[in-house]
Every structure is written in C-alpha cells, then in structure tokens.
C-alpha cells in the first residue's frame, strides 16, 4: 500500500485507520488521495464502502481539487457517485 503514501509522512497503518473512520478530520484528504492513486476496483473492495464514499463525496471532491493528480479524476468519480446514488450499480 506504500504507493498511496510514498510522498507523505504517514504510515500505511495510520492511513488505513483514517480510512476506517469517516469522522476523522483527515478522512476526506485520505480518500481523495486514494481516489487519485488507487484503481477503481481497489477503492471499494479494499479500502472504503460505497456508503462512506457517498456521505463524504462533497468533502472528498474539495480535496481532489487541491491534488494535481486527483483533479483529473473528478469527472470519473462524479459519474461513480451518480451511479451509486441512483442505485444503478457499477
């Protein structure tokens, strides 16, 4: 999992703990990092639930706008958000 945190001073274990706690103030930042660096499949099978994604999407999107890698993926994740929200499946 080091590919998600290689350029920041946070351990993989701490990163995982943040992803498990949507109330953590670093959650949106961490998920934005995840969405900009991990594969789509890994996001929902290894790291977060679709429900947590839906609930935090506005905060996550704000963080993606600040990430040079993530900003290019906002359109895709908006599409995913709409699909999940409508119950259309993926």
C-alpha atoms as a PDB file:
ATOM      1  CA  UNK A   1       0.000   0.000   0.000  1.00  0.00           C
ATOM      2  CA  UNK A   2       3.026   2.279   0.065  1.00  0.00           C
ATOM      3  CA  UNK A   3       2.080   3.631  -3.357  1.00  0.00           C
ATOM      4  CA  UNK A   4      -0.659   5.671  -1.655  1.00  0.00           C
ATOM      5  CA  UNK A   5       1.571   7.261   0.956  1.00  0.00           C
ATOM      6  CA  UNK A   6       5.071   7.259  -0.519  1.00  0.00           C
ATOM      7  CA  UNK A   7       5.352  11.055  -0.638  1.00  0.00           C
ATOM      8  CA  UNK A   8       3.784  11.985   2.714  1.00  0.00           C
ATOM      9  CA  UNK A   9       4.845  11.376   6.284  1.00  0.00           C
ATOM     10  CA  UNK A  10       2.126   8.946   7.294  1.00  0.00           C
ATOM     11  CA  UNK A  11       2.449   5.229   7.847  1.00  0.00           C
ATOM     12  CA  UNK A  12       0.369   2.710   5.929  1.00  0.00           C
ATOM     13  CA  UNK A  13      -1.241   1.606   9.195  1.00  0.00           C
ATOM     14  CA  UNK A  14      -2.225   5.145  10.132  1.00  0.00           C
ATOM     15  CA  UNK A  15      -3.588   5.724   6.623  1.00  0.00           C
ATOM     16  CA  UNK A  16      -5.780   2.614   6.900  1.00  0.00           C
ATOM     17  CA  UNK A  17      -7.027   3.718  10.325  1.00  0.00           C
ATOM     18  CA  UNK A  18      -8.075   7.099   8.915  1.00  0.00           C
ATOM     19  CA  UNK A  19      -9.947   5.380   6.082  1.00  0.00           C
ATOM     20  CA  UNK A  20     -11.906   3.356   8.644  1.00  0.00           C
ATOM     21  CA  UNK A  21     -13.105   6.470  10.460  1.00  0.00           C
ATOM     22  CA  UNK A  22     -15.204   8.946   8.441  1.00  0.00           C
ATOM     23  CA  UNK A  23     -15.315  11.256  11.465  1.00  0.00           C
ATOM     24  CA  UNK A  24     -11.534  11.735  11.324  1.00  0.00           C
ATOM     25  CA  UNK A  25     -10.738  15.230  10.043  1.00  0.00           C
ATOM     26  CA  UNK A  26      -8.184  13.669   7.662  1.00  0.00           C
ATOM     27  CA  UNK A  27     -10.729  11.263   6.131  1.00  0.00           C
ATOM     28  CA  UNK A  28     -11.620  13.408   3.092  1.00  0.00           C
ATOM     29  CA  UNK A  29      -7.948  14.091   2.362  1.00  0.00           C
ATOM     30  CA  UNK A  30      -7.119  10.400   2.668  1.00  0.00           C
ATOM     31  CA  UNK A  31      -9.975   9.252   0.446  1.00  0.00           C
ATOM     32  CA  UNK A  32      -9.088  11.912  -2.137  1.00  0.00           C
ATOM     33  CA  UNK A  33      -5.559  10.539  -2.177  1.00  0.00           C
ATOM     34  CA  UNK A  34      -6.973   7.034  -2.520  1.00  0.00           C
ATOM     35  CA  UNK A  35      -9.273   8.005  -5.399  1.00  0.00           C
ATOM     36  CA  UNK A  36      -6.474   9.704  -7.276  1.00  0.00           C
ATOM     37  CA  UNK A  37      -3.941   6.902  -6.889  1.00  0.00           C
ATOM     38  CA  UNK A  38      -5.683   3.542  -6.434  1.00  0.00           C
ATOM     39  CA  UNK A  39      -7.550   1.542  -9.021  1.00  0.00           C
ATOM     40  CA  UNK A  40     -11.313   1.812  -9.069  1.00  0.00           C
ATOM     41  CA  UNK A  41     -11.669  -1.824  -8.051  1.00  0.00           C
ATOM     42  CA  UNK A  42      -9.379  -1.454  -5.027  1.00  0.00           C
ATOM     43  CA  UNK A  43     -11.229   1.579  -3.710  1.00  0.00           C
ATOM     44  CA  UNK A  44     -14.438  -0.284  -2.873  1.00  0.00           C
ATOM     45  CA  UNK A  45     -13.061  -3.787  -2.359  1.00  0.00           C
ATOM     46  CA  UNK A  46     -10.070  -2.984  -0.153  1.00  0.00           C
ATOM     47  CA  UNK A  47     -10.456   0.448   1.400  1.00  0.00           C
ATOM     48  CA  UNK A  48     -13.855   2.127   1.802  1.00  0.00           C
ATOM     49  CA  UNK A  49     -17.536   1.344   1.459  1.00  0.00           C
ATOM     50  CA  UNK A  50     -19.750   2.926  -1.178  1.00  0.00           C
ATOM     51  CA  UNK A  51     -21.823   4.378   1.683  1.00  0.00           C
ATOM     52  CA  UNK A  52     -18.817   6.179   3.185  1.00  0.00           C
ATOM     53  CA  UNK A  53     -17.948   7.472  -0.282  1.00  0.00           C
ATOM     54  CA  UNK A  54     -21.479   8.823  -0.847  1.00  0.00           C
ATOM     55  CA  UNK A  55     -21.656  10.548   2.509  1.00  0.00           C
ATOM     56  CA  UNK A  56     -18.282  12.242   2.204  1.00  0.00           C
ATOM     57  CA  UNK A  57     -18.197  12.953  -1.553  1.00  0.00           C
ATOM     58  CA  UNK A  58     -18.566  16.776  -1.307  1.00  0.00           C
ATOM     59  CA  UNK A  59     -15.633  16.983   1.152  1.00  0.00           C
ATOM     60  CA  UNK A  60     -13.599  14.474  -0.858  1.00  0.00           C
ATOM     61  CA  UNK A  61     -14.223  16.397  -4.063  1.00  0.00           C
ATOM     62  CA  UNK A  62     -12.918  19.588  -2.449  1.00  0.00           C
ATOM     63  CA  UNK A  63      -9.721  17.727  -1.573  1.00  0.00           C
ATOM     64  CA  UNK A  64      -9.399  16.259  -5.081  1.00  0.00           C
ATOM     65  CA  UNK A  65      -9.466  19.791  -6.483  1.00  0.00           C
ATOM     66  CA  UNK A  66      -6.296  20.506  -4.482  1.00  0.00           C
ATOM     67  CA  UNK A  67      -4.475  17.413  -5.766  1.00  0.00           C
ATOM     68  CA  UNK A  68      -2.709  17.746  -9.141  1.00  0.00           C
ATOM     69  CA  UNK A  69      -3.300  14.049  -9.800  1.00  0.00           C
ATOM     70  CA  UNK A  70      -6.814  13.931  -8.388  1.00  0.00           C
ATOM     71  CA  UNK A  71      -8.259  16.923 -10.202  1.00  0.00           C
ATOM     72  CA  UNK A  72      -8.215  14.975 -13.440  1.00  0.00           C
ATOM     73  CA  UNK A  73     -10.309  12.206 -11.928  1.00  0.00           C
ATOM     74  CA  UNK A  74     -13.184  14.310 -10.571  1.00  0.00           C
ATOM     75  CA  UNK A  75     -15.368  13.765 -13.625  1.00  0.00           C
ATOM     76  CA  UNK A  76     -14.994   9.992 -13.309  1.00  0.00           C
ATOM     77  CA  UNK A  77     -15.749   9.956  -9.566  1.00  0.00           C
ATOM     78  CA  UNK A  78     -18.756  12.259 -10.114  1.00  0.00           C
ATOM     79  CA  UNK A  79     -20.054   9.624 -12.513  1.00  0.00           C
ATOM     80  CA  UNK A  80     -19.438   6.865  -9.929  1.00  0.00           C
ATOM     81  CA  UNK A  81     -21.201   8.947  -7.267  1.00  0.00           C
ATOM     82  CA  UNK A  82     -24.261   9.380  -9.514  1.00  0.00           C
ATOM     83  CA  UNK A  83     -24.349   5.662 -10.353  1.00  0.00           C
ATOM     84  CA  UNK A  84     -24.182   4.589  -6.714  1.00  0.00           C
ATOM     85  CA  UNK A  85     -26.644   7.233  -5.572  1.00  0.00           C
ATOM     86  CA  UNK A  86     -29.226   6.170  -8.142  1.00  0.00           C
ATOM     87  CA  UNK A  87     -28.730   2.529  -7.250  1.00  0.00           C
ATOM     88  CA  UNK A  88     -27.750   1.779 -10.839  1.00  0.00           C
ATOM     89  CA  UNK A  89     -24.828  -0.320  -9.775  1.00  0.00           C
ATOM     90  CA  UNK A  90     -21.415  -0.209 -11.319  1.00  0.00           C
END
